[in-house]
Amino acid sequence: MKYIDREKLYSDPNNIKYLRENSFWYKKLNRREPIEEMIEEMKARYGLRFKDKIDKIGTGMDLINAFMNVTKE
């Protein structure tokens, strides 16, 4: 694994956590697989993508709207 890839990996605690949970990535990264693939998979798994954040906001707004409608009646 290159030094630059190692720096990317250890810069975010979520990367380390995901790597420890899915140890097959050690082998892939040591065989020069792009680290970006693992990071994208980690973001999808932990809901850290922009799309996931927007969905969480939408769910929160729906919950607030439902609460407002119940208290209004």
N, C-alpha and C. Protein backbone atom coordinates (compact mmCIF):
# COMPACT_ATOMS: atom_id res chain seq x y z
N MET A 1 0.85 -1.17 0.00
CA MET A 1 0.00 0.00 0.00
C MET A 1 0.90 1.24 0.00
N LYS A 2 0.53 2.21 -0.78
CA LYS A 2 1.34 3.43 -0.86
C LYS A 2 1.14 4.29 0.39
N TYR A 3 2.13 5.13 0.64
CA TYR A 3 2.07 6.02 1.80
C TYR A 3 0.89 6.97 1.70
N ILE A 4 0.62 7.48 0.51
CA ILE A 4 -0.50 8.42 0.31
C ILE A 4 -1.82 7.73 0.63
N ASP A 5 -1.96 6.48 0.20
CA ASP A 5 -3.18 5.73 0.49
C ASP A 5 -3.33 5.49 1.99
N ARG A 6 -2.21 5.21 2.64
CA ARG A 6 -2.25 5.00 4.08
C ARG A 6 -2.69 6.26 4.82
N GLU A 7 -2.21 7.40 4.35
CA GLU A 7 -2.62 8.67 4.95
C GLU A 7 -4.13 8.91 4.78
N LYS A 8 -4.65 8.62 3.59
CA LYS A 8 -6.10 8.74 3.36
C LYS A 8 -6.86 7.81 4.28
N LEU A 9 -6.36 6.61 4.43
CA LEU A 9 -7.03 5.59 5.22
C LEU A 9 -7.11 5.99 6.68
N TYR A 10 -6.01 6.44 7.24
CA TYR A 10 -5.96 6.75 8.67
C TYR A 10 -6.43 8.16 9.00
N SER A 11 -6.79 8.94 8.01
CA SER A 11 -7.25 10.30 8.28
C SER A 11 -8.69 10.32 8.80
N ASP A 12 -9.45 9.26 8.56
CA ASP A 12 -10.86 9.22 8.96
C ASP A 12 -11.09 7.97 9.82
N PRO A 13 -11.60 8.13 11.04
CA PRO A 13 -11.85 6.96 11.89
C PRO A 13 -12.86 5.99 11.29
N ASN A 14 -13.78 6.49 10.46
CA ASN A 14 -14.75 5.59 9.83
C ASN A 14 -14.06 4.64 8.86
N ASN A 15 -13.02 5.10 8.20
CA ASN A 15 -12.27 4.22 7.29
C ASN A 15 -11.64 3.07 8.07
N ILE A 16 -11.04 3.38 9.19
CA ILE A 16 -10.39 2.36 9.99
C ILE A 16 -11.42 1.37 10.53
N LYS A 17 -12.53 1.89 11.01
CA LYS A 17 -13.60 1.03 11.53
C LYS A 17 -14.12 0.09 10.45
N TYR A 18 -14.36 0.63 9.26
CA TYR A 18 -14.87 -0.19 8.16
C TYR A 18 -13.84 -1.23 7.74
N LEU A 19 -12.60 -0.84 7.71
CA LEU A 19 -11.53 -1.77 7.33
C LEU A 19 -11.42 -2.92 8.33
N ARG A 20 -11.59 -2.63 9.60
CA ARG A 20 -11.53 -3.69 10.61
C ARG A 20 -12.75 -4.61 10.56
N GLU A 21 -13.90 -4.05 10.20
CA GLU A 21 -15.11 -4.87 10.07
C GLU A 21 -15.08 -5.73 8.81
N ASN A 22 -14.43 -5.25 7.76
CA ASN A 22 -14.36 -5.94 6.48
C ASN A 22 -12.89 -6.17 6.13
N SER A 23 -12.29 -7.15 6.77
CA SER A 23 -10.85 -7.34 6.68
C SER A 23 -10.37 -7.78 5.30
N PHE A 24 -11.28 -8.22 4.43
CA PHE A 24 -10.85 -8.60 3.08
C PHE A 24 -10.28 -7.42 2.32
N TRP A 25 -10.59 -6.21 2.78
CA TRP A 25 -10.05 -5.02 2.12
C TRP A 25 -8.54 -4.87 2.35
N TYR A 26 -8.01 -5.44 3.43
CA TYR A 26 -6.56 -5.41 3.63
C TYR A 26 -5.85 -6.04 2.44
N LYS A 27 -6.35 -7.21 2.04
CA LYS A 27 -5.75 -7.92 0.92
C LYS A 27 -5.90 -7.12 -0.37
N LYS A 28 -7.09 -6.56 -0.60
CA LYS A 28 -7.32 -5.80 -1.82
C LYS A 28 -6.42 -4.56 -1.88
N LEU A 29 -6.31 -3.86 -0.77
CA LEU A 29 -5.51 -2.64 -0.76
C LEU A 29 -4.02 -2.94 -0.91
N ASN A 30 -3.58 -4.04 -0.36
CA ASN A 30 -2.18 -4.43 -0.52
C ASN A 30 -1.88 -4.90 -1.94
N ARG A 31 -2.91 -5.25 -2.67
CA ARG A 31 -2.75 -5.63 -4.08
C ARG A 31 -3.02 -4.45 -5.01
N ARG A 32 -2.93 -3.25 -4.47
CA ARG A 32 -3.04 -2.00 -5.23
C ARG A 32 -4.44 -1.72 -5.78
N GLU A 33 -5.47 -2.23 -5.12
CA GLU A 33 -6.83 -1.82 -5.49
C GLU A 33 -6.98 -0.35 -5.09
N PRO A 34 -7.76 0.41 -5.84
CA PRO A 34 -7.94 1.83 -5.48
C PRO A 34 -8.66 1.98 -4.14
N ILE A 35 -8.12 2.81 -3.29
CA ILE A 35 -8.70 3.04 -1.97
C ILE A 35 -10.06 3.75 -2.08
N GLU A 36 -10.27 4.46 -3.18
CA GLU A 36 -11.53 5.18 -3.38
C GLU A 36 -12.72 4.22 -3.41
N GLU A 37 -12.52 3.01 -3.94
CA GLU A 37 -13.59 2.01 -3.97
C GLU A 37 -14.02 1.65 -2.54
N MET A 38 -13.04 1.45 -1.67
CA MET A 38 -13.35 1.11 -0.29
C MET A 38 -14.04 2.27 0.42
N ILE A 39 -13.59 3.50 0.14
CA ILE A 39 -14.19 4.67 0.78
C ILE A 39 -15.63 4.85 0.33
N GLU A 40 -15.91 4.64 -0.95
CA GLU A 40 -17.28 4.75 -1.44
C GLU A 40 -18.17 3.68 -0.83
N GLU A 41 -17.65 2.47 -0.71
CA GLU A 41 -18.41 1.39 -0.09
C GLU A 41 -18.68 1.69 1.38
N MET A 42 -17.68 2.26 2.07
CA MET A 42 -17.84 2.63 3.47
C MET A 42 -18.89 3.72 3.63
N LYS A 43 -18.86 4.71 2.75
CA LYS A 43 -19.85 5.79 2.83
C LYS A 43 -21.26 5.28 2.59
N ALA A 44 -21.40 4.35 1.65
CA ALA A 44 -22.72 3.76 1.39
C ALA A 44 -23.19 2.96 2.59
N ARG A 45 -22.28 2.24 3.22
CA ARG A 45 -22.64 1.39 4.36
C ARG A 45 -23.06 2.22 5.58
N TYR A 46 -22.32 3.29 5.85
CA TYR A 46 -22.58 4.11 7.03
C TYR A 46 -23.51 5.28 6.76
N GLY A 47 -24.01 5.44 5.54
CA GLY A 47 -24.93 6.52 5.23
C GLY A 47 -24.28 7.89 5.24
N LEU A 48 -23.08 7.99 4.73
CA LEU A 48 -22.34 9.26 4.75
C LEU A 48 -22.34 9.97 3.39
N ARG A 49 -23.04 9.40 2.42
CA ARG A 49 -23.10 10.05 1.12
C ARG A 49 -24.06 11.24 1.19
N PHE A 50 -23.92 12.15 0.24
CA PHE A 50 -24.78 13.33 0.19
C PHE A 50 -26.24 12.92 0.09
N LYS A 51 -26.52 11.91 -0.73
CA LYS A 51 -27.88 11.41 -0.92
C LYS A 51 -28.47 10.93 0.41
N ASP A 52 -27.67 10.22 1.20
CA ASP A 52 -28.13 9.71 2.48
C ASP A 52 -28.43 10.84 3.46
N LYS A 53 -27.60 11.86 3.43
CA LYS A 53 -27.83 13.01 4.32
C LYS A 53 -29.12 13.74 3.96
N ILE A 54 -29.39 13.89 2.66
CA ILE A 54 -30.63 14.54 2.22
C ILE A 54 -31.83 13.70 2.63
N ASP A 55 -31.73 12.38 2.51
CA ASP A 55 -32.82 11.49 2.93
C ASP A 55 -33.10 11.63 4.42
N LYS A 56 -32.04 11.75 5.24
CA LYS A 56 -32.22 11.91 6.68
C LYS A 56 -32.93 13.22 7.00
N ILE A 57 -32.57 14.27 6.28
CA ILE A 57 -33.23 15.57 6.48
C ILE A 57 -34.70 15.47 6.10
N GLY A 58 -34.98 14.82 4.97
CA GLY A 58 -36.37 14.65 4.53
C GLY A 58 -37.19 13.85 5.53
N THR A 59 -36.60 12.81 6.08
CA THR A 59 -37.29 12.00 7.09
C THR A 59 -37.57 12.82 8.34
N GLY A 60 -36.62 13.62 8.74
CA GLY A 60 -36.81 14.48 9.91
C GLY A 60 -37.91 15.51 9.68
N MET A 61 -37.95 16.07 8.49
CA MET A 61 -39.00 17.05 8.18
C MET A 61 -40.37 16.38 8.15
N ASP A 62 -40.46 15.17 7.63
CA ASP A 62 -41.73 14.43 7.63
C ASP A 62 -42.19 14.15 9.05
N LEU A 63 -41.26 13.81 9.91
CA LEU A 63 -41.59 13.54 11.31
C LEU A 63 -42.11 14.79 12.00
N ILE A 64 -41.45 15.91 11.77
CA ILE A 64 -41.89 17.18 12.36
C ILE A 64 -43.25 17.56 11.83
N ASN A 65 -43.47 17.38 10.53
CA ASN A 65 -44.76 17.70 9.92
C ASN A 65 -45.86 16.83 10.52
N ALA A 66 -45.62 15.56 10.69
CA ALA A 66 -46.62 14.66 11.29
C ALA A 66 -46.91 15.08 12.72
N PHE A 67 -45.88 15.44 13.47
CA PHE A 67 -46.07 15.88 14.85
C PHE A 67 -46.89 17.16 14.90
N MET A 68 -46.61 18.09 13.99
CA MET A 68 -47.37 19.35 13.95
C MET A 68 -48.84 19.09 13.62
N ASN A 69 -49.10 18.15 12.71
CA ASN A 69 -50.47 17.84 12.33
C ASN A 69 -51.22 17.19 13.49
N VAL A 70 -50.56 16.37 14.28
CA VAL A 70 -51.21 15.71 15.42
C VAL A 70 -51.51 16.74 16.50
N THR A 71 -50.61 17.66 16.76
CA THR A 71 -50.84 18.65 17.81
C THR A 71 -51.84 19.71 17.37
N LYS A 72 -51.99 19.88 16.06
CA LYS A 72 -52.93 20.88 15.56
C LYS A 72 -54.37 20.43 15.78
N GLU A 73 -54.61 19.12 15.73
CA GLU A 73 -55.98 18.60 15.83
C GLU A 73 -56.47 18.47 17.23
